Amino acid sequence: MENQVLERYVVRPAEQGHRIVDVWTGQTVKIAAVPQDDLSEAEAQRTAKMLNDRAAKGERKIHE
């Protein structure tokens, strides 16, 4: 069996475009109080990767 790492931040479809979801809370991520939804898929993937990279380094509080 492969050793898979689960990501904390994932991209999901939104009303228009895509949103970034925190899998710990099930909520749309907020950065500087701005919900990360209605993004292009590329922008959502890029931002989720940045958030996951920071979380992997142990940074706990990333949004709100």
N, C-alpha and C. Protein backbone atom coordinates (compact mmCIF):
# COMPACT_ATOMS: atom_id res chain seq x y z
N MET A 1 0.84 -1.18 0.00
CA MET A 1 0.00 0.00 0.00
C MET A 1 0.88 1.24 0.00
N GLU A 2 0.51 2.23 -0.81
CA GLU A 2 1.28 3.47 -0.90
C GLU A 2 1.05 4.33 0.33
N ASN A 3 2.09 5.06 0.71
CA ASN A 3 1.98 6.00 1.81
C ASN A 3 1.49 7.33 1.25
N GLN A 4 0.21 7.64 1.46
CA GLN A 4 -0.37 8.85 0.91
C GLN A 4 -0.45 9.93 1.98
N VAL A 5 -0.14 11.15 1.57
CA VAL A 5 -0.24 12.29 2.45
C VAL A 5 -1.54 13.02 2.10
N LEU A 6 -2.39 13.20 3.09
CA LEU A 6 -3.63 13.93 2.86
C LEU A 6 -3.36 15.42 2.99
N GLU A 7 -3.86 16.18 2.05
CA GLU A 7 -3.67 17.62 2.09
C GLU A 7 -4.75 18.27 2.93
N ARG A 8 -4.37 19.30 3.65
CA ARG A 8 -5.34 20.01 4.48
C ARG A 8 -6.25 20.90 3.64
N TYR A 9 -5.72 21.48 2.56
CA TYR A 9 -6.48 22.41 1.73
C TYR A 9 -6.71 21.79 0.37
N VAL A 10 -7.97 21.77 -0.06
CA VAL A 10 -8.33 21.15 -1.33
C VAL A 10 -9.17 22.12 -2.15
N VAL A 11 -9.18 21.90 -3.46
CA VAL A 11 -9.95 22.73 -4.38
C VAL A 11 -11.25 22.00 -4.70
N ARG A 12 -12.36 22.72 -4.63
CA ARG A 12 -13.68 22.18 -4.92
C ARG A 12 -14.42 23.12 -5.86
N PRO A 13 -15.35 22.60 -6.64
CA PRO A 13 -16.17 23.47 -7.49
C PRO A 13 -16.98 24.44 -6.63
N ALA A 14 -17.18 25.65 -7.15
CA ALA A 14 -17.99 26.68 -6.48
C ALA A 14 -19.12 27.09 -7.41
N GLU A 15 -19.95 28.01 -6.95
CA GLU A 15 -21.05 28.52 -7.79
C GLU A 15 -20.52 28.95 -9.15
N GLN A 16 -19.46 29.75 -9.10
CA GLN A 16 -18.78 30.19 -10.32
C GLN A 16 -17.30 29.96 -10.09
N GLY A 17 -16.72 29.04 -10.78
CA GLY A 17 -15.29 28.77 -10.61
C GLY A 17 -15.03 27.73 -9.55
N HIS A 18 -14.00 27.98 -8.74
CA HIS A 18 -13.55 27.01 -7.73
C HIS A 18 -13.32 27.71 -6.40
N ARG A 19 -13.31 26.91 -5.33
CA ARG A 19 -13.05 27.44 -4.00
C ARG A 19 -12.03 26.55 -3.31
N ILE A 20 -11.40 27.08 -2.26
CA ILE A 20 -10.43 26.33 -1.47
C ILE A 20 -11.09 26.00 -0.14
N VAL A 21 -11.07 24.72 0.22
CA VAL A 21 -11.71 24.26 1.44
C VAL A 21 -10.67 23.72 2.41
N ASP A 22 -10.81 24.08 3.67
CA ASP A 22 -9.98 23.53 4.75
C ASP A 22 -10.66 22.22 5.16
N VAL A 23 -10.02 21.09 4.91
CA VAL A 23 -10.66 19.81 5.20
C VAL A 23 -10.83 19.57 6.70
N TRP A 24 -10.08 20.28 7.54
CA TRP A 24 -10.24 20.14 8.99
C TRP A 24 -11.57 20.71 9.45
N THR A 25 -12.01 21.82 8.82
CA THR A 25 -13.23 22.50 9.25
C THR A 25 -14.38 22.32 8.28
N GLY A 26 -14.07 22.00 7.02
CA GLY A 26 -15.10 21.91 6.00
C GLY A 26 -15.53 23.27 5.46
N GLN A 27 -14.86 24.33 5.89
CA GLN A 27 -15.22 25.70 5.50
C GLN A 27 -14.33 26.20 4.38
N THR A 28 -14.87 27.17 3.64
CA THR A 28 -14.07 27.85 2.63
C THR A 28 -12.99 28.66 3.34
N VAL A 29 -11.77 28.58 2.84
CA VAL A 29 -10.64 29.31 3.41
C VAL A 29 -10.85 30.81 3.23
N LYS A 30 -10.44 31.57 4.24
CA LYS A 30 -10.43 33.03 4.16
C LYS A 30 -8.99 33.49 4.31
N ILE A 31 -8.57 34.38 3.44
CA ILE A 31 -7.26 35.01 3.54
C ILE A 31 -7.51 36.50 3.65
N ALA A 32 -7.03 37.11 4.72
CA ALA A 32 -7.28 38.53 5.00
C ALA A 32 -8.78 38.81 4.96
N ALA A 33 -9.56 37.91 5.56
CA ALA A 33 -11.01 38.01 5.68
C ALA A 33 -11.76 37.88 4.34
N VAL A 34 -11.05 37.47 3.28
CA VAL A 34 -11.68 37.32 1.97
C VAL A 34 -11.86 35.84 1.66
N PRO A 35 -13.10 35.38 1.51
CA PRO A 35 -13.32 33.96 1.17
C PRO A 35 -12.66 33.62 -0.16
N GLN A 36 -11.98 32.49 -0.18
CA GLN A 36 -11.29 32.05 -1.39
C GLN A 36 -12.22 31.17 -2.22
N ASP A 37 -13.19 31.85 -2.85
CA ASP A 37 -14.13 31.15 -3.72
C ASP A 37 -14.31 31.93 -5.01
N ASP A 38 -14.97 31.32 -5.96
CA ASP A 38 -15.15 31.90 -7.29
C ASP A 38 -13.81 32.24 -7.95
N LEU A 39 -12.79 31.38 -7.72
CA LEU A 39 -11.47 31.53 -8.31
C LEU A 39 -11.37 30.70 -9.58
N SER A 40 -10.43 31.05 -10.44
CA SER A 40 -10.14 30.18 -11.56
C SER A 40 -9.52 28.90 -11.01
N GLU A 41 -9.61 27.81 -11.74
CA GLU A 41 -9.04 26.56 -11.25
C GLU A 41 -7.54 26.69 -11.03
N ALA A 42 -6.85 27.36 -11.95
CA ALA A 42 -5.39 27.53 -11.81
C ALA A 42 -5.06 28.34 -10.57
N GLU A 43 -5.79 29.43 -10.33
CA GLU A 43 -5.54 30.26 -9.16
C GLU A 43 -5.82 29.49 -7.86
N ALA A 44 -6.91 28.74 -7.84
CA ALA A 44 -7.26 27.94 -6.66
C ALA A 44 -6.19 26.88 -6.39
N GLN A 45 -5.73 26.20 -7.43
CA GLN A 45 -4.69 25.17 -7.26
C GLN A 45 -3.40 25.78 -6.74
N ARG A 46 -3.01 26.93 -7.28
CA ARG A 46 -1.78 27.60 -6.87
C ARG A 46 -1.87 28.04 -5.40
N THR A 47 -3.00 28.61 -5.01
CA THR A 47 -3.17 29.08 -3.63
C THR A 47 -3.24 27.90 -2.67
N ALA A 48 -3.96 26.84 -3.03
CA ALA A 48 -4.05 25.66 -2.17
C ALA A 48 -2.67 25.04 -1.98
N LYS A 49 -1.86 25.01 -3.03
CA LYS A 49 -0.50 24.47 -2.91
C LYS A 49 0.32 25.30 -1.93
N MET A 50 0.22 26.63 -2.03
CA MET A 50 0.94 27.51 -1.12
C MET A 50 0.50 27.26 0.32
N LEU A 51 -0.80 27.14 0.55
CA LEU A 51 -1.31 26.90 1.90
C LEU A 51 -0.85 25.54 2.42
N ASN A 52 -0.89 24.51 1.57
CA ASN A 52 -0.45 23.18 1.99
C ASN A 52 1.05 23.16 2.28
N ASP A 53 1.84 23.89 1.49
CA ASP A 53 3.29 23.97 1.74
C ASP A 53 3.55 24.61 3.10
N ARG A 54 2.82 25.68 3.40
CA ARG A 54 2.98 26.35 4.70
C ARG A 54 2.55 25.44 5.84
N ALA A 55 1.45 24.73 5.65
CA ALA A 55 0.96 23.81 6.70
C ALA A 55 1.97 22.69 6.93
N ALA A 56 2.61 22.21 5.88
CA ALA A 56 3.59 21.13 6.00
C ALA A 56 4.82 21.58 6.80
N LYS A 57 5.08 22.89 6.79
CA LYS A 57 6.21 23.45 7.54
C LYS A 57 5.84 23.73 8.99
N GLY A 58 4.58 23.44 9.34
CA GLY A 58 4.16 23.61 10.73
C GLY A 58 3.47 24.92 11.04
N GLU A 59 3.21 25.73 10.04
CA GLU A 59 2.49 26.97 10.29
C GLU A 59 1.03 26.63 10.52
N ARG A 60 0.53 26.90 11.71
CA ARG A 60 -0.80 26.45 12.09
C ARG A 60 -1.91 27.40 11.67
N LYS A 61 -1.73 28.69 11.89
CA LYS A 61 -2.79 29.64 11.60
C LYS A 61 -2.52 30.28 10.25
N ILE A 62 -3.28 29.85 9.27
CA ILE A 62 -3.04 30.31 7.91
C ILE A 62 -4.12 31.28 7.45
N HIS A 63 -5.32 31.12 7.94
CA HIS A 63 -6.40 31.97 7.47
C HIS A 63 -7.25 32.43 8.63
N GLU A 64 -8.18 33.28 8.34
CA GLU A 64 -9.20 33.87 9.23
C GLU A 64 -9.16 35.34 9.15
